[in-house]
Amino acid sequence: MEELKEHTPYLVNFKDLVARAQTRYSEIDWRRERVSTTLHKTSIALELRRKELDLHRSEVAQMVGLFRRDIVAMDIVDYYPSFDKVVEIADILGFEIIIQKRDN
């Protein structure tokens, strides 16, 4: 049996990781990356909550006046409806959209 080797834990400051990643992008591309990441996190949160509430995509779509395919596209971050529709969906699922100034 092969002996297990002890590895030094990988400890890193998250802000350092972000700063290092940011150096690979132009300012405009970095903004797009941040938006894309935020949309991805939002999609996951909305999809998980919808499933937790046992709501079908078609039910959510009907509640806010969208097509089921729009909700499917949101789930895979392929499409986002207008901001007012996203806020409506978030409200139906029990979320609140908060916009605040970043610290950086």
PDB file of N, CA and C in Angstrom:
ATOM      1  N   MET A   1       0.844  -1.175   0.000  1.00  0.00           N
ATOM      2  CA  MET A   1       0.000   0.000   0.000  1.00  0.00           C
ATOM      3  C   MET A   1       0.891   1.240   0.000  1.00  0.00           C
ATOM      4  N   GLU A   2       0.544   2.174  -0.873  1.00  0.00           N
ATOM      5  CA  GLU A   2       1.341   3.387  -0.991  1.00  0.00           C
ATOM      6  C   GLU A   2       1.125   4.279   0.227  1.00  0.00           C
ATOM      7  N   GLU A   3       2.210   4.827   0.691  1.00  0.00           N
ATOM      8  CA  GLU A   3       2.158   5.689   1.865  1.00  0.00           C
ATOM      9  C   GLU A   3       1.550   7.044   1.507  1.00  0.00           C
ATOM     10  N   LEU A   4       0.674   7.540   2.358  1.00  0.00           N
ATOM     11  CA  LEU A   4       0.079   8.856   2.136  1.00  0.00           C
ATOM     12  C   LEU A   4       1.084   9.939   2.464  1.00  0.00           C
ATOM     13  N   LYS A   5       1.228  10.869   1.566  1.00  0.00           N
ATOM     14  CA  LYS A   5       2.152  11.967   1.799  1.00  0.00           C
ATOM     15  C   LYS A   5       1.389  13.157   2.359  1.00  0.00           C
ATOM     16  N   GLU A   6       2.009  13.824   3.283  1.00  0.00           N
ATOM     17  CA  GLU A   6       1.381  14.998   3.865  1.00  0.00           C
ATOM     18  C   GLU A   6       1.615  16.185   2.939  1.00  0.00           C
ATOM     19  N   HIS A   7       0.535  16.885   2.622  1.00  0.00           N
ATOM     20  CA  HIS A   7       0.621  18.051   1.759  1.00  0.00           C
ATOM     21  C   HIS A   7       0.376  19.311   2.576  1.00  0.00           C
ATOM     22  N   THR A   8       1.105  20.340   2.232  1.00  0.00           N
ATOM     23  CA  THR A   8       0.888  21.622   2.872  1.00  0.00           C
ATOM     24  C   THR A   8      -0.451  22.165   2.404  1.00  0.00           C
ATOM     25  N   PRO A   9      -1.303  22.605   3.313  1.00  0.00           N
ATOM     26  CA  PRO A   9      -2.600  23.136   2.878  1.00  0.00           C
ATOM     27  C   PRO A   9      -2.406  24.365   1.986  1.00  0.00           C
ATOM     28  N   TYR A  10      -3.259  24.486   1.012  1.00  0.00           N
ATOM     29  CA  TYR A  10      -3.189  25.605   0.076  1.00  0.00           C
ATOM     30  C   TYR A  10      -3.957  26.772   0.684  1.00  0.00           C
ATOM     31  N   LEU A  11      -3.246  27.687   1.266  1.00  0.00           N
ATOM     32  CA  LEU A  11      -3.875  28.846   1.889  1.00  0.00           C
ATOM     33  C   LEU A  11      -3.593  30.070   1.044  1.00  0.00           C
ATOM     34  N   VAL A  12      -4.641  30.789   0.725  1.00  0.00           N
ATOM     35  CA  VAL A  12      -4.475  31.983  -0.083  1.00  0.00           C
ATOM     36  C   VAL A  12      -5.583  32.966   0.269  1.00  0.00           C
ATOM     37  N   ASN A  13      -5.259  34.213   0.169  1.00  0.00           N
ATOM     38  CA  ASN A  13      -6.228  35.268   0.421  1.00  0.00           C
ATOM     39  C   ASN A  13      -7.097  35.420  -0.824  1.00  0.00           C
ATOM     40  N   PHE A  14      -8.416  35.431  -0.652  1.00  0.00           N
ATOM     41  CA  PHE A  14      -9.332  35.519  -1.783  1.00  0.00           C
ATOM     42  C   PHE A  14      -9.128  36.812  -2.570  1.00  0.00           C
ATOM     43  N   LYS A  15      -8.900  37.919  -1.885  1.00  0.00           N
ATOM     44  CA  LYS A  15      -8.682  39.188  -2.577  1.00  0.00           C
ATOM     45  C   LYS A  15      -7.431  39.129  -3.457  1.00  0.00           C
ATOM     46  N   ASP A  16      -6.405  38.402  -3.001  1.00  0.00           N
ATOM     47  CA  ASP A  16      -5.202  38.225  -3.815  1.00  0.00           C
ATOM     48  C   ASP A  16      -5.508  37.430  -5.082  1.00  0.00           C
ATOM     49  N   LEU A  17      -6.339  36.401  -4.949  1.00  0.00           N
ATOM     50  CA  LEU A  17      -6.731  35.610  -6.118  1.00  0.00           C
ATOM     51  C   LEU A  17      -7.483  36.467  -7.126  1.00  0.00           C
ATOM     52  N   VAL A  18      -8.411  37.277  -6.637  1.00  0.00           N
ATOM     53  CA  VAL A  18      -9.186  38.146  -7.515  1.00  0.00           C
ATOM     54  C   VAL A  18      -8.267  39.148  -8.198  1.00  0.00           C
ATOM     55  N   ALA A  19      -7.366  39.747  -7.436  1.00  0.00           N
ATOM     56  CA  ALA A  19      -6.433  40.731  -8.001  1.00  0.00           C
ATOM     57  C   ALA A  19      -5.557  40.086  -9.077  1.00  0.00           C
ATOM     58  N   ARG A  20      -5.094  38.861  -8.825  1.00  0.00           N
ATOM     59  CA  ARG A  20      -4.268  38.153  -9.802  1.00  0.00           C
ATOM     60  C   ARG A  20      -5.070  37.837 -11.065  1.00  0.00           C
ATOM     61  N   ALA A  21      -6.314  37.411 -10.891  1.00  0.00           N
ATOM     62  CA  ALA A  21      -7.168  37.108 -12.043  1.00  0.00           C
ATOM     63  C   ALA A  21      -7.461  38.375 -12.843  1.00  0.00           C
ATOM     64  N   GLN A  22      -7.661  39.466 -12.135  1.00  0.00           N
ATOM     65  CA  GLN A  22      -8.003  40.727 -12.794  1.00  0.00           C
ATOM     66  C   GLN A  22      -6.879  41.221 -13.702  1.00  0.00           C
ATOM     67  N   THR A  23      -5.643  40.910 -13.383  1.00  0.00           N
ATOM     68  CA  THR A  23      -4.518  41.367 -14.198  1.00  0.00           C
ATOM     69  C   THR A  23      -4.531  40.751 -15.594  1.00  0.00           C
ATOM     70  N   ARG A  24      -5.273  39.666 -15.771  1.00  0.00           N
ATOM     71  CA  ARG A  24      -5.337  38.993 -17.072  1.00  0.00           C
ATOM     72  C   ARG A  24      -6.366  39.614 -18.010  1.00  0.00           C
ATOM     73  N   TYR A  25      -7.118  40.589 -17.530  1.00  0.00           N
ATOM     74  CA  TYR A  25      -8.200  41.181 -18.303  1.00  0.00           C
ATOM     75  C   TYR A  25      -7.995  42.680 -18.494  1.00  0.00           C
ATOM     76  N   SER A  26      -8.549  43.203 -19.577  1.00  0.00           N
ATOM     77  CA  SER A  26      -8.642  44.653 -19.697  1.00  0.00           C
ATOM     78  C   SER A  26      -9.754  45.089 -18.740  1.00  0.00           C
ATOM     79  N   GLU A  27      -9.851  46.381 -18.486  1.00  0.00           N
ATOM     80  CA  GLU A  27     -10.876  46.863 -17.542  1.00  0.00           C
ATOM     81  C   GLU A  27     -12.282  46.510 -18.025  1.00  0.00           C
ATOM     82  N   ILE A  28     -12.537  46.672 -19.313  1.00  0.00           N
ATOM     83  CA  ILE A  28     -13.863  46.366 -19.867  1.00  0.00           C
ATOM     84  C   ILE A  28     -14.153  44.870 -19.781  1.00  0.00           C
ATOM     85  N   ASP A  29     -13.168  44.044 -20.141  1.00  0.00           N
ATOM     86  CA  ASP A  29     -13.358  42.591 -20.073  1.00  0.00           C
ATOM     87  C   ASP A  29     -13.560  42.129 -18.635  1.00  0.00           C
ATOM     88  N   TRP A  30     -12.871  42.765 -17.690  1.00  0.00           N
ATOM     89  CA  TRP A  30     -13.035  42.396 -16.283  1.00  0.00           C
ATOM     90  C   TRP A  30     -14.457  42.688 -15.814  1.00  0.00           C
ATOM     91  N   ARG A  31     -15.025  43.824 -16.249  1.00  0.00           N
ATOM     92  CA  ARG A  31     -16.418  44.135 -15.889  1.00  0.00           C
ATOM     93  C   ARG A  31     -17.360  43.078 -16.444  1.00  0.00           C
ATOM     94  N   ARG A  32     -17.126  42.693 -17.706  1.00  0.00           N
ATOM     95  CA  ARG A  32     -17.973  41.648 -18.310  1.00  0.00           C
ATOM     96  C   ARG A  32     -17.849  40.336 -17.544  1.00  0.00           C
ATOM     97  N   GLU A  33     -16.641  40.002 -17.130  1.00  0.00           N
ATOM     98  CA  GLU A  33     -16.416  38.769 -16.367  1.00  0.00           C
ATOM     99  C   GLU A  33     -17.163  38.812 -15.041  1.00  0.00           C
ATOM    100  N   ARG A  34     -17.118  39.947 -14.359  1.00  0.00           N
ATOM    101  CA  ARG A  34     -17.830  40.106 -13.088  1.00  0.00           C
ATOM    102  C   ARG A  34     -19.332  39.940 -13.283  1.00  0.00           C
ATOM    103  N   VAL A  35     -19.861  40.553 -14.347  1.00  0.00           N
ATOM    104  CA  VAL A  35     -21.294  40.447 -14.634  1.00  0.00           C
ATOM    105  C   VAL A  35     -21.655  39.000 -14.933  1.00  0.00           C
ATOM    106  N   SER A  36     -20.850  38.344 -15.756  1.00  0.00           N
ATOM    107  CA  SER A  36     -21.100  36.952 -16.111  1.00  0.00           C
ATOM    108  C   SER A  36     -21.092  36.058 -14.870  1.00  0.00           C
ATOM    109  N   THR A  37     -20.136  36.266 -13.986  1.00  0.00           N
ATOM    110  CA  THR A  37     -20.047  35.478 -12.756  1.00  0.00           C
ATOM    111  C   THR A  37     -21.261  35.734 -11.864  1.00  0.00           C
ATOM    112  N   THR A  38     -21.662  36.983 -11.765  1.00  0.00           N
ATOM    113  CA  THR A  38     -22.827  37.339 -10.951  1.00  0.00           C
ATOM    114  C   THR A  38     -24.091  36.705 -11.523  1.00  0.00           C
ATOM    115  N   LEU A  39     -24.240  36.739 -12.848  1.00  0.00           N
ATOM    116  CA  LEU A  39     -25.412  36.111 -13.465  1.00  0.00           C
ATOM    117  C   LEU A  39     -25.431  34.612 -13.220  1.00  0.00           C
ATOM    118  N   HIS A  40     -24.266  33.997 -13.287  1.00  0.00           N
ATOM    119  CA  HIS A  40     -24.182  32.557 -13.046  1.00  0.00           C
ATOM    120  C   HIS A  40     -24.620  32.226 -11.613  1.00  0.00           C
ATOM    121  N   LYS A  41     -24.110  32.977 -10.647  1.00  0.00           N
ATOM    122  CA  LYS A  41     -24.489  32.745  -9.243  1.00  0.00           C
ATOM    123  C   LYS A  41     -25.984  32.978  -9.043  1.00  0.00           C
ATOM    124  N   THR A  42     -26.513  34.017  -9.684  1.00  0.00           N
ATOM    125  CA  THR A  42     -27.936  34.325  -9.574  1.00  0.00           C
ATOM    126  C   THR A  42     -28.769  33.198 -10.166  1.00  0.00           C
ATOM    127  N   SER A  43     -28.363  32.703 -11.329  1.00  0.00           N
ATOM    128  CA  SER A  43     -29.084  31.601 -11.974  1.00  0.00           C
ATOM    129  C   SER A  43     -29.143  30.379 -11.083  1.00  0.00           C
ATOM    130  N   ILE A  44     -28.010  30.040 -10.480  1.00  0.00           N
ATOM    131  CA  ILE A  44     -27.968  28.876  -9.590  1.00  0.00           C
ATOM    132  C   ILE A  44     -28.902  29.073  -8.407  1.00  0.00           C
ATOM    133  N   ALA A  45     -28.851  30.250  -7.789  1.00  0.00           N
ATOM    134  CA  ALA A  45     -29.700  30.533  -6.631  1.00  0.00           C
ATOM    135  C   ALA A  45     -31.180  30.454  -6.997  1.00  0.00           C
ATOM    136  N   LEU A  46     -31.564  31.064  -8.125  1.00  0.00           N
ATOM    137  CA  LEU A  46     -32.969  31.047  -8.536  1.00  0.00           C
ATOM    138  C   LEU A  46     -33.438  29.634  -8.870  1.00  0.00           C
ATOM    139  N   GLU A  47     -32.599  28.879  -9.573  1.00  0.00           N
ATOM    140  CA  GLU A  47     -32.982  27.514  -9.935  1.00  0.00           C
ATOM    141  C   GLU A  47     -33.127  26.628  -8.701  1.00  0.00           C
ATOM    142  N   LEU A  48     -32.163  26.709  -7.786  1.00  0.00           N
ATOM    143  CA  LEU A  48     -32.239  25.880  -6.571  1.00  0.00           C
ATOM    144  C   LEU A  48     -33.460  26.223  -5.731  1.00  0.00           C
ATOM    145  N   ARG A  49     -33.753  27.512  -5.613  1.00  0.00           N
ATOM    146  CA  ARG A  49     -34.921  27.939  -4.824  1.00  0.00           C
ATOM    147  C   ARG A  49     -36.215  27.489  -5.502  1.00  0.00           C
ATOM    148  N   ARG A  50     -36.285  27.609  -6.833  1.00  0.00           N
ATOM    149  CA  ARG A  50     -37.473  27.163  -7.563  1.00  0.00           C
ATOM    150  C   ARG A  50     -37.723  25.680  -7.321  1.00  0.00           C
ATOM    151  N   LYS A  51     -36.652  24.890  -7.358  1.00  0.00           N
ATOM    152  CA  LYS A  51     -36.781  23.453  -7.116  1.00  0.00           C
ATOM    153  C   LYS A  51     -37.172  23.163  -5.672  1.00  0.00           C
ATOM    154  N   GLU A  52     -36.588  23.933  -4.747  1.00  0.00           N
ATOM    155  CA  GLU A  52     -36.917  23.774  -3.329  1.00  0.00           C
ATOM    156  C   GLU A  52     -38.406  24.023  -3.082  1.00  0.00           C
ATOM    157  N   LEU A  53     -38.967  24.987  -3.791  1.00  0.00           N
ATOM    158  CA  LEU A  53     -40.390  25.316  -3.655  1.00  0.00           C
ATOM    159  C   LEU A  53     -41.271  24.411  -4.513  1.00  0.00           C
ATOM    160  N   ASP A  54     -40.647  23.504  -5.246  1.00  0.00           N
ATOM    161  CA  ASP A  54     -41.342  22.566  -6.123  1.00  0.00           C
ATOM    162  C   ASP A  54     -42.202  23.290  -7.160  1.00  0.00           C
ATOM    163  N   LEU A  55     -41.623  24.348  -7.719  1.00  0.00           N
ATOM    164  CA  LEU A  55     -42.284  25.089  -8.792  1.00  0.00           C
ATOM    165  C   LEU A  55     -41.667  24.687 -10.120  1.00  0.00           C
ATOM    166  N   HIS A  56     -42.504  24.415 -11.085  1.00  0.00           N
ATOM    167  CA  HIS A  56     -42.009  24.069 -12.414  1.00  0.00           C
ATOM    168  C   HIS A  56     -41.669  25.346 -13.176  1.00  0.00           C
ATOM    169  N   ARG A  57     -40.791  25.196 -14.125  1.00  0.00           N
ATOM    170  CA  ARG A  57     -40.384  26.349 -14.936  1.00  0.00           C
ATOM    171  C   ARG A  57     -41.590  27.014 -15.587  1.00  0.00           C
ATOM    172  N   SER A  58     -42.509  26.197 -16.075  1.00  0.00           N
ATOM    173  CA  SER A  58     -43.692  26.745 -16.749  1.00  0.00           C
ATOM    174  C   SER A  58     -44.556  27.556 -15.781  1.00  0.00           C
ATOM    175  N   GLU A  59     -44.606  27.149 -14.522  1.00  0.00           N
ATOM    176  CA  GLU A  59     -45.387  27.894 -13.529  1.00  0.00           C
ATOM    177  C   GLU A  59     -44.769  29.266 -13.269  1.00  0.00           C
ATOM    178  N   VAL A  60     -43.455  29.292 -13.098  1.00  0.00           N
ATOM    179  CA  VAL A  60     -42.765  30.566 -12.865  1.00  0.00           C
ATOM    180  C   VAL A  60     -42.920  31.465 -14.086  1.00  0.00           C
ATOM    181  N   ALA A  61     -42.756  30.886 -15.268  1.00  0.00           N
ATOM    182  CA  ALA A  61     -42.886  31.656 -16.504  1.00  0.00           C
ATOM    183  C   ALA A  61     -44.273  32.280 -16.623  1.00  0.00           C
ATOM    184  N   GLN A  62     -45.283  31.504 -16.311  1.00  0.00           N
ATOM    185  CA  GLN A  62     -46.661  31.999 -16.396  1.00  0.00           C
ATOM    186  C   GLN A  62     -46.905  33.127 -15.389  1.00  0.00           C
ATOM    187  N   MET A  63     -46.314  33.021 -14.197  1.00  0.00           N
ATOM    188  CA  MET A  63     -46.505  34.039 -13.158  1.00  0.00           C
ATOM    189  C   MET A  63     -45.953  35.403 -13.565  1.00  0.00           C
ATOM    190  N   VAL A  64     -44.890  35.398 -14.373  1.00  0.00           N
ATOM    191  CA  VAL A  64     -44.245  36.674 -14.731  1.00  0.00           C
ATOM    192  C   VAL A  64     -44.420  37.042 -16.210  1.00  0.00           C
ATOM    193  N   GLY A  65     -45.164  36.231 -16.948  1.00  0.00           N
ATOM    194  CA  GLY A  65     -45.425  36.558 -18.347  1.00  0.00           C
ATOM    195  C   GLY A  65     -44.271  36.270 -19.293  1.00  0.00           C
ATOM    196  N   LEU A  66     -43.547  35.193 -19.036  1.00  0.00           N
ATOM    197  CA  LEU A  66     -42.467  34.764 -19.921  1.00  0.00           C
ATOM    198  C   LEU A  66     -42.806  33.397 -20.494  1.00  0.00           C
ATOM    199  N   PHE A  67     -41.987  32.940 -21.412  1.00  0.00           N
ATOM    200  CA  PHE A  67     -42.120  31.582 -21.927  1.00  0.00           C
ATOM    201  C   PHE A  67     -41.276  30.649 -21.061  1.00  0.00           C
ATOM    202  N   ARG A  68     -41.678  29.375 -21.018  1.00  0.00           N
ATOM    203  CA  ARG A  68     -40.917  28.367 -20.271  1.00  0.00           C
ATOM    204  C   ARG A  68     -39.474  28.320 -20.764  1.00  0.00           C
ATOM    205  N   ARG A  69     -39.286  28.445 -22.068  1.00  0.00           N
ATOM    206  CA  ARG A  69     -37.930  28.387 -22.641  1.00  0.00           C
ATOM    207  C   ARG A  69     -37.043  29.506 -22.087  1.00  0.00           C
ATOM    208  N   ASP A  70     -37.661  30.643 -21.707  1.00  0.00           N
ATOM    209  CA  ASP A  70     -36.887  31.740 -21.114  1.00  0.00           C
ATOM    210  C   ASP A  70     -36.344  31.343 -19.743  1.00  0.00           C
ATOM    211  N   ILE A  71     -37.149  30.621 -18.986  1.00  0.00           N
ATOM    212  CA  ILE A  71     -36.704  30.159 -17.658  1.00  0.00           C
ATOM    213  C   ILE A  71     -35.619  29.105 -17.826  1.00  0.00           C
ATOM    214  N   VAL A  72     -35.776  28.223 -18.803  1.00  0.00           N
ATOM    215  CA  VAL A  72     -34.745  27.224 -19.096  1.00  0.00           C
ATOM    216  C   VAL A  72     -33.442  27.930 -19.457  1.00  0.00           C
ATOM    217  N   ALA A  73     -33.521  28.927 -20.320  1.00  0.00           N
ATOM    218  CA  ALA A  73     -32.330  29.666 -20.741  1.00  0.00           C
ATOM    219  C   ALA A  73     -31.683  30.385 -19.556  1.00  0.00           C
ATOM    220  N   MET A  74     -32.500  30.901 -18.638  1.00  0.00           N
ATOM    221  CA  MET A  74     -31.945  31.528 -17.429  1.00  0.00           C
ATOM    222  C   MET A  74     -31.177  30.512 -16.603  1.00  0.00           C
ATOM    223  N   ASP A  75     -31.733  29.312 -16.490  1.00  0.00           N
ATOM    224  CA  ASP A  75     -31.091  28.261 -15.696  1.00  0.00           C
ATOM    225  C   ASP A  75     -29.701  27.913 -16.216  1.00  0.00           C
ATOM    226  N   ILE A  76     -29.492  28.050 -17.512  1.00  0.00           N
ATOM    227  CA  ILE A  76     -28.178  27.713 -18.071  1.00  0.00           C
ATOM    228  C   ILE A  76     -27.383  28.973 -18.445  1.00  0.00           C
ATOM    229  N   VAL A  77     -27.823  30.119 -17.944  1.00  0.00           N
ATOM    230  CA  VAL A  77     -27.161  31.411 -18.142  1.00  0.00           C
ATOM    231  C   VAL A  77     -26.958  31.706 -19.630  1.00  0.00           C
ATOM    232  N   ASP A  78     -27.955  31.377 -20.417  1.00  0.00           N
ATOM    233  CA  ASP A  78     -27.891  31.623 -21.849  1.00  0.00           C
ATOM    234  C   ASP A  78     -28.687  32.868 -22.216  1.00  0.00           C
ATOM    235  N   TYR A  79     -29.559  33.288 -21.319  1.00  0.00           N
ATOM    236  CA  TYR A  79     -30.450  34.411 -21.594  1.00  0.00           C
ATOM    237  C   TYR A  79     -30.915  34.974 -20.269  1.00  0.00           C
ATOM    238  N   TYR A  80     -31.095  36.267 -20.243  1.00  0.00           N
ATOM    239  CA  TYR A  80     -31.726  36.905 -19.095  1.00  0.00           C
ATOM    240  C   TYR A  80     -32.765  37.870 -19.600  1.00  0.00           C
ATOM    241  N   PRO A  81     -33.971  37.808 -19.028  1.00  0.00           N
ATOM    242  CA  PRO A  81     -35.007  38.761 -19.422  1.00  0.00           C
ATOM    243  C   PRO A  81     -34.674  40.138 -18.861  1.00  0.00           C
ATOM    244  N   SER A  82     -35.557  41.058 -19.043  1.00  0.00           N
ATOM    245  CA  SER A  82     -35.321  42.405 -18.519  1.00  0.00           C
ATOM    246  C   SER A  82     -35.183  42.357 -17.000  1.00  0.00           C
ATOM    247  N   PHE A  83     -34.538  43.370 -16.464  1.00  0.00           N
ATOM    248  CA  PHE A  83     -34.254  43.418 -15.024  1.00  0.00           C
ATOM    249  C   PHE A  83     -35.539  43.337 -14.200  1.00  0.00           C
ATOM    250  N   ASP A  84     -36.611  43.982 -14.666  1.00  0.00           N
ATOM    251  CA  ASP A  84     -37.863  43.945 -13.907  1.00  0.00           C
ATOM    252  C   ASP A  84     -38.410  42.521 -13.802  1.00  0.00           C
ATOM    253  N   LYS A  85     -38.212  41.720 -14.840  1.00  0.00           N
ATOM    254  CA  LYS A  85     -38.664  40.319 -14.791  1.00  0.00           C
ATOM    255  C   LYS A  85     -37.811  39.500 -13.819  1.00  0.00           C
ATOM    256  N   VAL A  86     -36.507  39.759 -13.814  1.00  0.00           N
ATOM    257  CA  VAL A  86     -35.625  39.051 -12.876  1.00  0.00           C
ATOM    258  C   VAL A  86     -36.027  39.393 -11.435  1.00  0.00           C
ATOM    259  N   VAL A  87     -36.330  40.665 -11.187  1.00  0.00           N
ATOM    260  CA  VAL A  87     -36.765  41.081  -9.847  1.00  0.00           C
ATOM    261  C   VAL A  87     -38.089  40.406  -9.488  1.00  0.00           C
ATOM    262  N   GLU A  88     -39.005  40.323 -10.455  1.00  0.00           N
ATOM    263  CA  GLU A  88     -40.288  39.637 -10.225  1.00  0.00           C
ATOM    264  C   GLU A  88     -40.068  38.170  -9.867  1.00  0.00           C
ATOM    265  N   ILE A  89     -39.211  37.503 -10.632  1.00  0.00           N
ATOM    266  CA  ILE A  89     -38.928  36.084 -10.373  1.00  0.00           C
ATOM    267  C   ILE A  89     -38.305  35.925  -8.988  1.00  0.00           C
ATOM    268  N   ALA A  90     -37.337  36.776  -8.673  1.00  0.00           N
ATOM    269  CA  ALA A  90     -36.694  36.723  -7.358  1.00  0.00           C
ATOM    270  C   ALA A  90     -37.731  36.909  -6.255  1.00  0.00           C
ATOM    271  N   ASP A  91     -38.648  37.843  -6.442  1.00  0.00           N
ATOM    272  CA  ASP A  91     -39.688  38.102  -5.441  1.00  0.00           C
ATOM    273  C   ASP A  91     -40.593  36.892  -5.258  1.00  0.00           C
ATOM    274  N   ILE A  92     -40.996  36.283  -6.351  1.00  0.00           N
ATOM    275  CA  ILE A  92     -41.845  35.084  -6.289  1.00  0.00           C
ATOM    276  C   ILE A  92     -41.150  33.968  -5.513  1.00  0.00           C
ATOM    277  N   LEU A  93     -39.831  33.871  -5.707  1.00  0.00           N
ATOM    278  CA  LEU A  93     -39.068  32.804  -5.055  1.00  0.00           C
ATOM    279  C   LEU A  93     -38.606  33.172  -3.646  1.00  0.00           C
ATOM    280  N   GLY A  94     -38.981  34.368  -3.188  1.00  0.00           N
ATOM    281  CA  GLY A  94     -38.661  34.762  -1.816  1.00  0.00           C
ATOM    282  C   GLY A  94     -37.313  35.432  -1.649  1.00  0.00           C
ATOM    283  N   PHE A  95     -36.757  35.959  -2.744  1.00  0.00           N
ATOM    284  CA  PHE A  95     -35.488  36.678  -2.680  1.00  0.00           C
ATOM    285  C   PHE A  95     -35.735  38.177  -2.764  1.00  0.00           C
ATOM    286  N   GLU A  96     -34.756  38.929  -2.334  1.00  0.00           N
ATOM    287  CA  GLU A  96     -34.787  40.374  -2.459  1.00  0.00           C
ATOM    288  C   GLU A  96     -33.515  40.797  -3.179  1.00  0.00           C
ATOM    289  N   ILE A  97     -33.663  41.621  -4.194  1.00  0.00           N
ATOM    290  CA  ILE A  97     -32.516  42.132  -4.937  1.00  0.00           C
ATOM    291  C   ILE A  97     -32.012  43.375  -4.215  1.00  0.00           C
ATOM    292  N   ILE A  98     -30.747  43.375  -3.843  1.00  0.00           N
ATOM    293  CA  ILE A  98     -30.144  44.510  -3.163  1.00  0.00           C
ATOM    294  C   ILE A  98     -28.981  44.997  -4.015  1.00  0.00           C
ATOM    295  N   ILE A  99     -28.965  46.291  -4.283  1.00  0.00           N
ATOM    296  CA  ILE A  99     -27.859  46.884  -5.025  1.00  0.00           C
ATOM    297  C   ILE A  99     -27.098  47.769  -4.057  1.00  0.00           C
ATOM    298  N   GLN A 100     -25.814  47.504  -3.948  1.00  0.00           N
ATOM    299  CA  GLN A 100     -25.003  48.290  -3.032  1.00  0.00           C
ATOM    300  C   GLN A 100     -23.645  48.576  -3.647  1.00  0.00           C
ATOM    301  N   LYS A 101     -23.008  49.611  -3.178  1.00  0.00           N
ATOM    302  CA  LYS A 101     -21.691  49.993  -3.657  1.00  0.00           C
ATOM    303  C   LYS A 101     -20.657  48.980  -3.168  1.00  0.00           C
ATOM    304  N   ARG A 102     -19.766  48.566  -4.083  1.00  0.00           N
ATOM    305  CA  ARG A 102     -18.684  47.654  -3.705  1.00  0.00           C
ATOM    306  C   ARG A 102     -17.664  48.380  -2.864  1.00  0.00           C
ATOM    307  N   ASP A 103     -16.915  47.628  -2.064  1.00  0.00           N
ATOM    308  CA  ASP A 103     -15.869  48.192  -1.227  1.00  0.00           C
ATOM    309  C   ASP A 103     -14.637  48.590  -2.016  1.00  0.00           C
ATOM    310  N   ASN A 104     -14.368  47.904  -3.135  1.00  0.00           N
ATOM    311  CA  ASN A 104     -13.108  48.139  -3.848  1.00  0.00           C
ATOM    312  C   ASN A 104     -13.102  49.365  -4.661  1.00  0.00           C
TER     313      ASN A 104
END
